[in-house]
Amino acid sequence: MNIQDMMKQAQQMQERLQQQMVEMRMDATAGGGMVTVTVNGNKQLLSIRLDPEVVSKDDVEMLQDLIVAATNDAHRKVDEALAGQMQGMMGGMGLPGLS
């Protein structure tokens, strides 16, 4: 395989990965499911769902902490999913040590 073919293949892989990131949806919860967030592969927050029981004007800090925890967990899940996809794609290029 020559360098031009490798560059073309790498560009195609990058385009596929970018499309997968846009389409990816990752949910994460905190507080035993009291807070659920959904992010895409670009780590953009798409939605927040709150159990009505967690909404209390007397404990706003807990709700804020749960939202942050769920969002951070969703971002971690995206990182793990993308790392797995990258490893699979790179192994497919036939480069030594990556398969």
PDB file of N, CA and C in Angstrom:
ATOM      1  N   MET A   1       0.857  -1.181   0.000  1.00  0.00           N
ATOM      2  CA  MET A   1       0.000   0.000   0.000  1.00  0.00           C
ATOM      3  C   MET A   1       0.897   1.237   0.000  1.00  0.00           C
ATOM      4  N   ASN A   2       0.618   2.144  -0.917  1.00  0.00           N
ATOM      5  CA  ASN A   2       1.458   3.341  -0.971  1.00  0.00           C
ATOM      6  C   ASN A   2       0.896   4.420  -0.046  1.00  0.00           C
ATOM      7  N   ILE A   3       1.663   5.466   0.117  1.00  0.00           N
ATOM      8  CA  ILE A   3       1.321   6.523   1.076  1.00  0.00           C
ATOM      9  C   ILE A   3       0.041   7.245   0.671  1.00  0.00           C
ATOM     10  N   GLN A   4      -0.202   7.428  -0.633  1.00  0.00           N
ATOM     11  CA  GLN A   4      -1.424   8.102  -1.077  1.00  0.00           C
ATOM     12  C   GLN A   4      -2.663   7.287  -0.721  1.00  0.00           C
ATOM     13  N   ASP A   5      -2.578   5.973  -0.892  1.00  0.00           N
ATOM     14  CA  ASP A   5      -3.700   5.106  -0.524  1.00  0.00           C
ATOM     15  C   ASP A   5      -3.952   5.154   0.977  1.00  0.00           C
ATOM     16  N   MET A   6      -2.862   5.172   1.746  1.00  0.00           N
ATOM     17  CA  MET A   6      -3.006   5.237   3.204  1.00  0.00           C
ATOM     18  C   MET A   6      -3.648   6.553   3.630  1.00  0.00           C
ATOM     19  N   MET A   7      -3.248   7.651   3.001  1.00  0.00           N
ATOM     20  CA  MET A   7      -3.818   8.958   3.336  1.00  0.00           C
ATOM     21  C   MET A   7      -5.304   9.014   2.963  1.00  0.00           C
ATOM     22  N   LYS A   8      -5.644   8.458   1.818  1.00  0.00           N
ATOM     23  CA  LYS A   8      -7.046   8.426   1.396  1.00  0.00           C
ATOM     24  C   LYS A   8      -7.873   7.585   2.364  1.00  0.00           C
ATOM     25  N   GLN A   9      -7.331   6.453   2.757  1.00  0.00           N
ATOM     26  CA  GLN A   9      -8.034   5.580   3.700  1.00  0.00           C
ATOM     27  C   GLN A   9      -8.183   6.276   5.057  1.00  0.00           C
ATOM     28  N   ALA A  10      -7.168   6.983   5.504  1.00  0.00           N
ATOM     29  CA  ALA A  10      -7.240   7.705   6.779  1.00  0.00           C
ATOM     30  C   ALA A  10      -8.294   8.810   6.702  1.00  0.00           C
ATOM     31  N   GLN A  11      -8.385   9.498   5.601  1.00  0.00           N
ATOM     32  CA  GLN A  11      -9.383  10.554   5.442  1.00  0.00           C
ATOM     33  C   GLN A  11     -10.795   9.956   5.468  1.00  0.00           C
ATOM     34  N   GLN A  12     -10.980   8.834   4.811  1.00  0.00           N
ATOM     35  CA  GLN A  12     -12.286   8.177   4.821  1.00  0.00           C
ATOM     36  C   GLN A  12     -12.664   7.731   6.238  1.00  0.00           C
ATOM     37  N   MET A  13     -11.696   7.230   6.970  1.00  0.00           N
ATOM     38  CA  MET A  13     -11.948   6.810   8.351  1.00  0.00           C
ATOM     39  C   MET A  13     -12.332   8.007   9.206  1.00  0.00           C
ATOM     40  N   GLN A  14     -11.657   9.137   9.006  1.00  0.00           N
ATOM     41  CA  GLN A  14     -11.963  10.340   9.769  1.00  0.00           C
ATOM     42  C   GLN A  14     -13.382  10.811   9.472  1.00  0.00           C
ATOM     43  N   GLU A  15     -13.777  10.778   8.226  1.00  0.00           N
ATOM     44  CA  GLU A  15     -15.131  11.184   7.851  1.00  0.00           C
ATOM     45  C   GLU A  15     -16.179  10.260   8.468  1.00  0.00           C
ATOM     46  N   ARG A  16     -15.909   8.949   8.452  1.00  0.00           N
ATOM     47  CA  ARG A  16     -16.841   7.986   9.077  1.00  0.00           C
ATOM     48  C   ARG A  16     -16.944   8.242  10.569  1.00  0.00           C
ATOM     49  N   LEU A  17     -15.817   8.489  11.215  1.00  0.00           N
ATOM     50  CA  LEU A  17     -15.808   8.727  12.655  1.00  0.00           C
ATOM     51  C   LEU A  17     -16.576   9.998  12.993  1.00  0.00           C
ATOM     52  N   GLN A  18     -16.387  11.046  12.220  1.00  0.00           N
ATOM     53  CA  GLN A  18     -17.114  12.293  12.471  1.00  0.00           C
ATOM     54  C   GLN A  18     -18.616  12.082  12.342  1.00  0.00           C
ATOM     55  N   GLN A  19     -19.048  11.308  11.350  1.00  0.00           N
ATOM     56  CA  GLN A  19     -20.470  11.025  11.183  1.00  0.00           C
ATOM     57  C   GLN A  19     -20.994  10.199  12.361  1.00  0.00           C
ATOM     58  N   GLN A  20     -20.222   9.222  12.813  1.00  0.00           N
ATOM     59  CA  GLN A  20     -20.623   8.410  13.953  1.00  0.00           C
ATOM     60  C   GLN A  20     -20.743   9.256  15.214  1.00  0.00           C
ATOM     61  N   MET A  21     -19.868  10.232  15.369  1.00  0.00           N
ATOM     62  CA  MET A  21     -19.924  11.095  16.546  1.00  0.00           C
ATOM     63  C   MET A  21     -21.215  11.906  16.565  1.00  0.00           C
ATOM     64  N   VAL A  22     -21.638  12.383  15.410  1.00  0.00           N
ATOM     65  CA  VAL A  22     -22.875  13.156  15.328  1.00  0.00           C
ATOM     66  C   VAL A  22     -24.076  12.269  15.645  1.00  0.00           C
ATOM     67  N   GLU A  23     -24.042  11.035  15.167  1.00  0.00           N
ATOM     68  CA  GLU A  23     -25.180  10.127  15.334  1.00  0.00           C
ATOM     69  C   GLU A  23     -25.206   9.448  16.698  1.00  0.00           C
ATOM     70  N   MET A  24     -24.075   9.364  17.373  1.00  0.00           N
ATOM     71  CA  MET A  24     -23.994   8.662  18.652  1.00  0.00           C
ATOM     72  C   MET A  24     -24.854   9.354  19.708  1.00  0.00           C
ATOM     73  N   ARG A  25     -25.523   8.555  20.510  1.00  0.00           N
ATOM     74  CA  ARG A  25     -26.273   9.050  21.663  1.00  0.00           C
ATOM     75  C   ARG A  25     -25.844   8.228  22.866  1.00  0.00           C
ATOM     76  N   MET A  26     -25.449   8.917  23.928  1.00  0.00           N
ATOM     77  CA  MET A  26     -24.994   8.229  25.132  1.00  0.00           C
ATOM     78  C   MET A  26     -25.796   8.765  26.311  1.00  0.00           C
ATOM     79  N   ASP A  27     -26.447   7.858  27.035  1.00  0.00           N
ATOM     80  CA  ASP A  27     -27.194   8.223  28.247  1.00  0.00           C
ATOM     81  C   ASP A  27     -26.364   7.875  29.470  1.00  0.00           C
ATOM     82  N   ALA A  28     -26.524   8.673  30.506  1.00  0.00           N
ATOM     83  CA  ALA A  28     -25.897   8.376  31.792  1.00  0.00           C
ATOM     84  C   ALA A  28     -26.831   8.894  32.881  1.00  0.00           C
ATOM     85  N   THR A  29     -26.778   8.229  34.023  1.00  0.00           N
ATOM     86  CA  THR A  29     -27.654   8.607  35.125  1.00  0.00           C
ATOM     87  C   THR A  29     -26.848   8.871  36.379  1.00  0.00           C
ATOM     88  N   ALA A  30     -27.489   9.549  37.306  1.00  0.00           N
ATOM     89  CA  ALA A  30     -26.909   9.784  38.632  1.00  0.00           C
ATOM     90  C   ALA A  30     -28.060   9.754  39.633  1.00  0.00           C
ATOM     91  N   GLY A  31     -27.704   9.533  40.885  1.00  0.00           N
ATOM     92  CA  GLY A  31     -28.719   9.512  41.934  1.00  0.00           C
ATOM     93  C   GLY A  31     -29.694   8.367  41.776  1.00  0.00           C
ATOM     94  N   GLY A  32     -29.197   7.220  41.352  1.00  0.00           N
ATOM     95  CA  GLY A  32     -30.075   6.065  41.192  1.00  0.00           C
ATOM     96  C   GLY A  32     -31.133   6.263  40.130  1.00  0.00           C
ATOM     97  N   GLY A  33     -30.803   7.024  39.099  1.00  0.00           N
ATOM     98  CA  GLY A  33     -31.730   7.253  38.004  1.00  0.00           C
ATOM     99  C   GLY A  33     -32.579   8.504  38.169  1.00  0.00           C
ATOM    100  N   MET A  34     -32.310   9.265  39.211  1.00  0.00           N
ATOM    101  CA  MET A  34     -33.083  10.491  39.439  1.00  0.00           C
ATOM    102  C   MET A  34     -32.771  11.556  38.387  1.00  0.00           C
ATOM    103  N   VAL A  35     -31.543  11.531  37.852  1.00  0.00           N
ATOM    104  CA  VAL A  35     -31.125  12.458  36.805  1.00  0.00           C
ATOM    105  C   VAL A  35     -30.563  11.635  35.653  1.00  0.00           C
ATOM    106  N   THR A  36     -31.054  11.894  34.459  1.00  0.00           N
ATOM    107  CA  THR A  36     -30.548  11.231  33.254  1.00  0.00           C
ATOM    108  C   THR A  36     -30.205  12.297  32.234  1.00  0.00           C
ATOM    109  N   VAL A  37     -29.017  12.183  31.668  1.00  0.00           N
ATOM    110  CA  VAL A  37     -28.611  13.107  30.615  1.00  0.00           C
ATOM    111  C   VAL A  37     -28.293  12.303  29.356  1.00  0.00           C
ATOM    112  N   THR A  38     -28.449  12.963  28.220  1.00  0.00           N
ATOM    113  CA  THR A  38     -28.089  12.384  26.938  1.00  0.00           C
ATOM    114  C   THR A  38     -27.151  13.351  26.239  1.00  0.00           C
ATOM    115  N   VAL A  39     -26.016  12.818  25.758  1.00  0.00           N
ATOM    116  CA  VAL A  39     -25.066  13.605  24.987  1.00  0.00           C
ATOM    117  C   VAL A  39     -24.816  12.889  23.663  1.00  0.00           C
ATOM    118  N   ASN A  40     -24.309  13.640  22.690  1.00  0.00           N
ATOM    119  CA  ASN A  40     -23.910  13.003  21.443  1.00  0.00           C
ATOM    120  C   ASN A  40     -22.403  12.743  21.477  1.00  0.00           C
ATOM    121  N   GLY A  41     -21.886  12.209  20.390  1.00  0.00           N
ATOM    122  CA  GLY A  41     -20.466  11.878  20.328  1.00  0.00           C
ATOM    123  C   GLY A  41     -19.546  13.081  20.347  1.00  0.00           C
ATOM    124  N   ASN A  42     -20.100  14.264  20.115  1.00  0.00           N
ATOM    125  CA  ASN A  42     -19.319  15.494  20.223  1.00  0.00           C
ATOM    126  C   ASN A  42     -19.412  16.080  21.625  1.00  0.00           C
ATOM    127  N   LYS A  43     -20.005  15.338  22.525  1.00  0.00           N
ATOM    128  CA  LYS A  43     -20.185  15.712  23.932  1.00  0.00           C
ATOM    129  C   LYS A  43     -21.093  16.927  24.099  1.00  0.00           C
ATOM    130  N   GLN A  44     -21.997  17.115  23.157  1.00  0.00           N
ATOM    131  CA  GLN A  44     -22.993  18.165  23.293  1.00  0.00           C
ATOM    132  C   GLN A  44     -24.157  17.603  24.097  1.00  0.00           C
ATOM    133  N   LEU A  45     -24.577  18.341  25.105  1.00  0.00           N
ATOM    134  CA  LEU A  45     -25.689  17.931  25.944  1.00  0.00           C
ATOM    135  C   LEU A  45     -26.979  18.076  25.142  1.00  0.00           C
ATOM    136  N   LEU A  46     -27.699  16.950  24.972  1.00  0.00           N
ATOM    137  CA  LEU A  46     -28.912  16.958  24.168  1.00  0.00           C
ATOM    138  C   LEU A  46     -30.174  17.041  25.017  1.00  0.00           C
ATOM    139  N   SER A  47     -30.142  16.387  26.191  1.00  0.00           N
ATOM    140  CA  SER A  47     -31.329  16.432  27.041  1.00  0.00           C
ATOM    141  C   SER A  47     -30.960  16.118  28.487  1.00  0.00           C
ATOM    142  N   ILE A  48     -31.804  16.605  29.373  1.00  0.00           N
ATOM    143  CA  ILE A  48     -31.720  16.303  30.803  1.00  0.00           C
ATOM    144  C   ILE A  48     -33.123  15.891  31.234  1.00  0.00           C
ATOM    145  N   ARG A  49     -33.224  14.745  31.897  1.00  0.00           N
ATOM    146  CA  ARG A  49     -34.498  14.290  32.437  1.00  0.00           C
ATOM    147  C   ARG A  49     -34.358  14.191  33.949  1.00  0.00           C
ATOM    148  N   LEU A  50     -35.294  14.802  34.642  1.00  0.00           N
ATOM    149  CA  LEU A  50     -35.259  14.824  36.099  1.00  0.00           C
ATOM    150  C   LEU A  50     -36.482  14.103  36.652  1.00  0.00           C
ATOM    151  N   ASP A  51     -36.258  13.229  37.617  1.00  0.00           N
ATOM    152  CA  ASP A  51     -37.368  12.646  38.362  1.00  0.00           C
ATOM    153  C   ASP A  51     -37.942  13.771  39.217  1.00  0.00           C
ATOM    154  N   PRO A  52     -39.242  13.980  39.208  1.00  0.00           N
ATOM    155  CA  PRO A  52     -39.827  15.079  39.986  1.00  0.00           C
ATOM    156  C   PRO A  52     -39.444  15.053  41.469  1.00  0.00           C
ATOM    157  N   GLU A  53     -39.150  13.884  41.996  1.00  0.00           N
ATOM    158  CA  GLU A  53     -38.790  13.786  43.408  1.00  0.00           C
ATOM    159  C   GLU A  53     -37.453  14.450  43.726  1.00  0.00           C
ATOM    160  N   VAL A  54     -36.578  14.604  42.737  1.00  0.00           N
ATOM    161  CA  VAL A  54     -35.259  15.186  42.978  1.00  0.00           C
ATOM    162  C   VAL A  54     -35.303  16.714  42.953  1.00  0.00           C
ATOM    163  N   VAL A  55     -36.408  17.272  42.486  1.00  0.00           N
ATOM    164  CA  VAL A  55     -36.535  18.722  42.395  1.00  0.00           C
ATOM    165  C   VAL A  55     -37.067  19.257  43.727  1.00  0.00           C
ATOM    166  N   SER A  56     -36.186  19.949  44.443  1.00  0.00           N
ATOM    167  CA  SER A  56     -36.552  20.514  45.739  1.00  0.00           C
ATOM    168  C   SER A  56     -35.842  21.845  45.903  1.00  0.00           C
ATOM    169  N   LYS A  57     -36.606  22.873  46.191  1.00  0.00           N
ATOM    170  CA  LYS A  57     -35.978  24.179  46.371  1.00  0.00           C
ATOM    171  C   LYS A  57     -35.091  24.203  47.610  1.00  0.00           C
ATOM    172  N   ASP A  58     -35.260  23.204  48.487  1.00  0.00           N
ATOM    173  CA  ASP A  58     -34.454  23.143  49.702  1.00  0.00           C
ATOM    174  C   ASP A  58     -33.102  22.462  49.488  1.00  0.00           C
ATOM    175  N   ASP A  59     -32.933  21.803  48.332  1.00  0.00           N
ATOM    176  CA  ASP A  59     -31.672  21.090  48.097  1.00  0.00           C
ATOM    177  C   ASP A  59     -31.228  21.238  46.643  1.00  0.00           C
ATOM    178  N   VAL A  60     -31.071  22.458  46.208  1.00  0.00           N
ATOM    179  CA  VAL A  60     -30.656  22.741  44.840  1.00  0.00           C
ATOM    180  C   VAL A  60     -29.241  22.234  44.580  1.00  0.00           C
ATOM    181  N   GLU A  61     -28.379  22.325  45.579  1.00  0.00           N
ATOM    182  CA  GLU A  61     -26.986  21.889  45.393  1.00  0.00           C
ATOM    183  C   GLU A  61     -26.905  20.408  45.045  1.00  0.00           C
ATOM    184  N   MET A  62     -27.745  19.572  45.675  1.00  0.00           N
ATOM    185  CA  MET A  62     -27.726  18.145  45.361  1.00  0.00           C
ATOM    186  C   MET A  62     -28.121  17.925  43.908  1.00  0.00           C
ATOM    187  N   LEU A  63     -29.148  18.618  43.453  1.00  0.00           N
ATOM    188  CA  LEU A  63     -29.578  18.487  42.063  1.00  0.00           C
ATOM    189  C   LEU A  63     -28.468  18.921  41.114  1.00  0.00           C
ATOM    190  N   GLN A  64     -27.809  20.009  41.409  1.00  0.00           N
ATOM    191  CA  GLN A  64     -26.702  20.472  40.568  1.00  0.00           C
ATOM    192  C   GLN A  64     -25.592  19.426  40.529  1.00  0.00           C
ATOM    193  N   ASP A  65     -25.259  18.856  41.663  1.00  0.00           N
ATOM    194  CA  ASP A  65     -24.210  17.834  41.727  1.00  0.00           C
ATOM    195  C   ASP A  65     -24.592  16.599  40.907  1.00  0.00           C
ATOM    196  N   LEU A  66     -25.863  16.205  40.963  1.00  0.00           N
ATOM    197  CA  LEU A  66     -26.313  15.037  40.202  1.00  0.00           C
ATOM    198  C   LEU A  66     -26.244  15.297  38.702  1.00  0.00           C
ATOM    199  N   ILE A  67     -26.590  16.492  38.280  1.00  0.00           N
ATOM    200  CA  ILE A  67     -26.516  16.835  36.855  1.00  0.00           C
ATOM    201  C   ILE A  67     -25.067  16.807  36.384  1.00  0.00           C
ATOM    202  N   VAL A  68     -24.173  17.375  37.168  1.00  0.00           N
ATOM    203  CA  VAL A  68     -22.748  17.363  36.819  1.00  0.00           C
ATOM    204  C   VAL A  68     -22.226  15.929  36.766  1.00  0.00           C
ATOM    205  N   ALA A  69     -22.579  15.110  37.747  1.00  0.00           N
ATOM    206  CA  ALA A  69     -22.109  13.719  37.783  1.00  0.00           C
ATOM    207  C   ALA A  69     -22.610  12.939  36.578  1.00  0.00           C
ATOM    208  N   ALA A  70     -23.870  13.094  36.243  1.00  0.00           N
ATOM    209  CA  ALA A  70     -24.424  12.366  35.095  1.00  0.00           C
ATOM    210  C   ALA A  70     -23.766  12.836  33.791  1.00  0.00           C
ATOM    211  N   THR A  71     -23.554  14.131  33.655  1.00  0.00           N
ATOM    212  CA  THR A  71     -22.922  14.664  32.447  1.00  0.00           C
ATOM    213  C   THR A  71     -21.485  14.178  32.310  1.00  0.00           C
ATOM    214  N   ASN A  72     -20.745  14.194  33.403  1.00  0.00           N
ATOM    215  CA  ASN A  72     -19.367  13.698  33.363  1.00  0.00           C
ATOM    216  C   ASN A  72     -19.326  12.217  33.016  1.00  0.00           C
ATOM    217  N   ASP A  73     -20.271  11.439  33.540  1.00  0.00           N
ATOM    218  CA  ASP A  73     -20.326  10.016  33.234  1.00  0.00           C
ATOM    219  C   ASP A  73     -20.648   9.798  31.753  1.00  0.00           C
ATOM    220  N   ALA A  74     -21.556  10.592  31.210  1.00  0.00           N
ATOM    221  CA  ALA A  74     -21.876  10.476  29.788  1.00  0.00           C
ATOM    222  C   ALA A  74     -20.659  10.808  28.927  1.00  0.00           C
ATOM    223  N   HIS A  75     -19.919  11.828  29.298  1.00  0.00           N
ATOM    224  CA  HIS A  75     -18.703  12.191  28.550  1.00  0.00           C
ATOM    225  C   HIS A  75     -17.680  11.058  28.612  1.00  0.00           C
ATOM    226  N   ARG A  76     -17.536  10.433  29.768  1.00  0.00           N
ATOM    227  CA  ARG A  76     -16.607   9.299  29.909  1.00  0.00           C
ATOM    228  C   ARG A  76     -17.029   8.154  28.996  1.00  0.00           C
ATOM    229  N   LYS A  77     -18.334   7.885  28.937  1.00  0.00           N
ATOM    230  CA  LYS A  77     -18.836   6.806  28.085  1.00  0.00           C
ATOM    231  C   LYS A  77     -18.566   7.108  26.608  1.00  0.00           C
ATOM    232  N   VAL A  78     -18.715   8.359  26.207  1.00  0.00           N
ATOM    233  CA  VAL A  78     -18.411   8.748  24.825  1.00  0.00           C
ATOM    234  C   VAL A  78     -16.929   8.507  24.538  1.00  0.00           C
ATOM    235  N   ASP A  79     -16.068   8.926  25.453  1.00  0.00           N
ATOM    236  CA  ASP A  79     -14.626   8.718  25.263  1.00  0.00           C
ATOM    237  C   ASP A  79     -14.301   7.243  25.077  1.00  0.00           C
ATOM    238  N   GLU A  80     -14.905   6.391  25.907  1.00  0.00           N
ATOM    239  CA  GLU A  80     -14.648   4.955  25.815  1.00  0.00           C
ATOM    240  C   GLU A  80     -15.154   4.387  24.494  1.00  0.00           C
ATOM    241  N   ALA A  81     -16.344   4.801  24.077  1.00  0.00           N
ATOM    242  CA  ALA A  81     -16.906   4.303  22.821  1.00  0.00           C
ATOM    243  C   ALA A  81     -16.062   4.736  21.635  1.00  0.00           C
ATOM    244  N   LEU A  82     -15.642   5.982  21.628  1.00  0.00           N
ATOM    245  CA  LEU A  82     -14.822   6.475  20.517  1.00  0.00           C
ATOM    246  C   LEU A  82     -13.454   5.824  20.490  1.00  0.00           C
ATOM    247  N   ALA A  83     -12.878   5.580  21.659  1.00  0.00           N
ATOM    248  CA  ALA A  83     -11.577   4.906  21.709  1.00  0.00           C
ATOM    249  C   ALA A  83     -11.690   3.502  21.125  1.00  0.00           C
ATOM    250  N   GLY A  84     -12.771   2.814  21.441  1.00  0.00           N
ATOM    251  CA  GLY A  84     -12.987   1.484  20.887  1.00  0.00           C
ATOM    252  C   GLY A  84     -13.170   1.515  19.382  1.00  0.00           C
ATOM    253  N   GLN A  85     -13.915   2.498  18.899  1.00  0.00           N
ATOM    254  CA  GLN A  85     -14.112   2.621  17.455  1.00  0.00           C
ATOM    255  C   GLN A  85     -12.800   2.944  16.751  1.00  0.00           C
ATOM    256  N   MET A  86     -12.009   3.840  17.331  1.00  0.00           N
ATOM    257  CA  MET A  86     -10.729   4.196  16.722  1.00  0.00           C
ATOM    258  C   MET A  86      -9.800   2.993  16.660  1.00  0.00           C
ATOM    259  N   GLN A  87      -9.776   2.222  17.738  1.00  0.00           N
ATOM    260  CA  GLN A  87      -8.914   1.048  17.764  1.00  0.00           C
ATOM    261  C   GLN A  87      -9.331   0.066  16.674  1.00  0.00           C
ATOM    262  N   GLY A  88     -10.639  -0.114  16.503  1.00  0.00           N
ATOM    263  CA  GLY A  88     -11.135  -1.003  15.458  1.00  0.00           C
ATOM    264  C   GLY A  88     -10.794  -0.503  14.071  1.00  0.00           C
ATOM    265  N   MET A  89     -10.941   0.796  13.859  1.00  0.00           N
ATOM    266  CA  MET A  89     -10.631   1.366  12.546  1.00  0.00           C
ATOM    267  C   MET A  89      -9.144   1.284  12.235  1.00  0.00           C
ATOM    268  N   MET A  90      -8.311   1.618  13.214  1.00  0.00           N
ATOM    269  CA  MET A  90      -6.865   1.610  13.000  1.00  0.00           C
ATOM    270  C   MET A  90      -6.369   0.194  12.754  1.00  0.00           C
ATOM    271  N   GLY A  91      -6.957  -0.780  13.431  1.00  0.00           N
ATOM    272  CA  GLY A  91      -6.569  -2.160  13.189  1.00  0.00           C
ATOM    273  C   GLY A  91      -6.899  -2.587  11.777  1.00  0.00           C
ATOM    274  N   GLY A  92      -7.982  -2.012  11.210  1.00  0.00           N
ATOM    275  CA  GLY A  92      -8.397  -2.337   9.860  1.00  0.00           C
ATOM    276  C   GLY A  92      -7.472  -1.797   8.789  1.00  0.00           C
ATOM    277  N   MET A  93      -6.596  -0.877   9.159  1.00  0.00           N
ATOM    278  CA  MET A  93      -5.664  -0.314   8.175  1.00  0.00           C
ATOM    279  C   MET A  93      -4.496  -1.268   7.909  1.00  0.00           C
ATOM    280  N   GLY A  94      -4.345  -2.287   8.739  1.00  0.00           N
ATOM    281  CA  GLY A  94      -3.269  -3.242   8.524  1.00  0.00           C
ATOM    282  C   GLY A  94      -1.918  -2.718   8.943  1.00  0.00           C
ATOM    283  N   LEU A  95      -1.892  -1.736   9.849  1.00  0.00           N
ATOM    284  CA  LEU A  95      -0.609  -1.222  10.317  1.00  0.00           C
ATOM    285  C   LEU A  95      -0.056  -2.146  11.399  1.00  0.00           C
ATOM    286  N   PRO A  96       1.216  -2.397  11.393  1.00  0.00           N
ATOM    287  CA  PRO A  96       1.804  -3.289  12.383  1.00  0.00           C
ATOM    288  C   PRO A  96       1.573  -2.789  13.813  1.00  0.00           C
ATOM    289  N   GLY A  97       1.202  -3.724  14.677  1.00  0.00           N
ATOM    290  CA  GLY A  97       1.030  -3.401  16.090  1.00  0.00           C
ATOM    291  C   GLY A  97      -0.310  -2.805  16.449  1.00  0.00           C
ATOM    292  N   LEU A  98      -1.195  -2.574  15.485  1.00  0.00           N
ATOM    293  CA  LEU A  98      -2.489  -1.967  15.775  1.00  0.00           C
ATOM    294  C   LEU A  98      -3.645  -2.936  15.627  1.00  0.00           C
ATOM    295  N   SER A  99      -3.413  -4.110  15.136  1.00  0.00           N
ATOM    296  CA  SER A  99      -4.524  -5.052  14.924  1.00  0.00           C
ATOM    297  C   SER A  99      -4.710  -5.946  16.113  1.00  0.00           C
TER     298      SER A  99
END
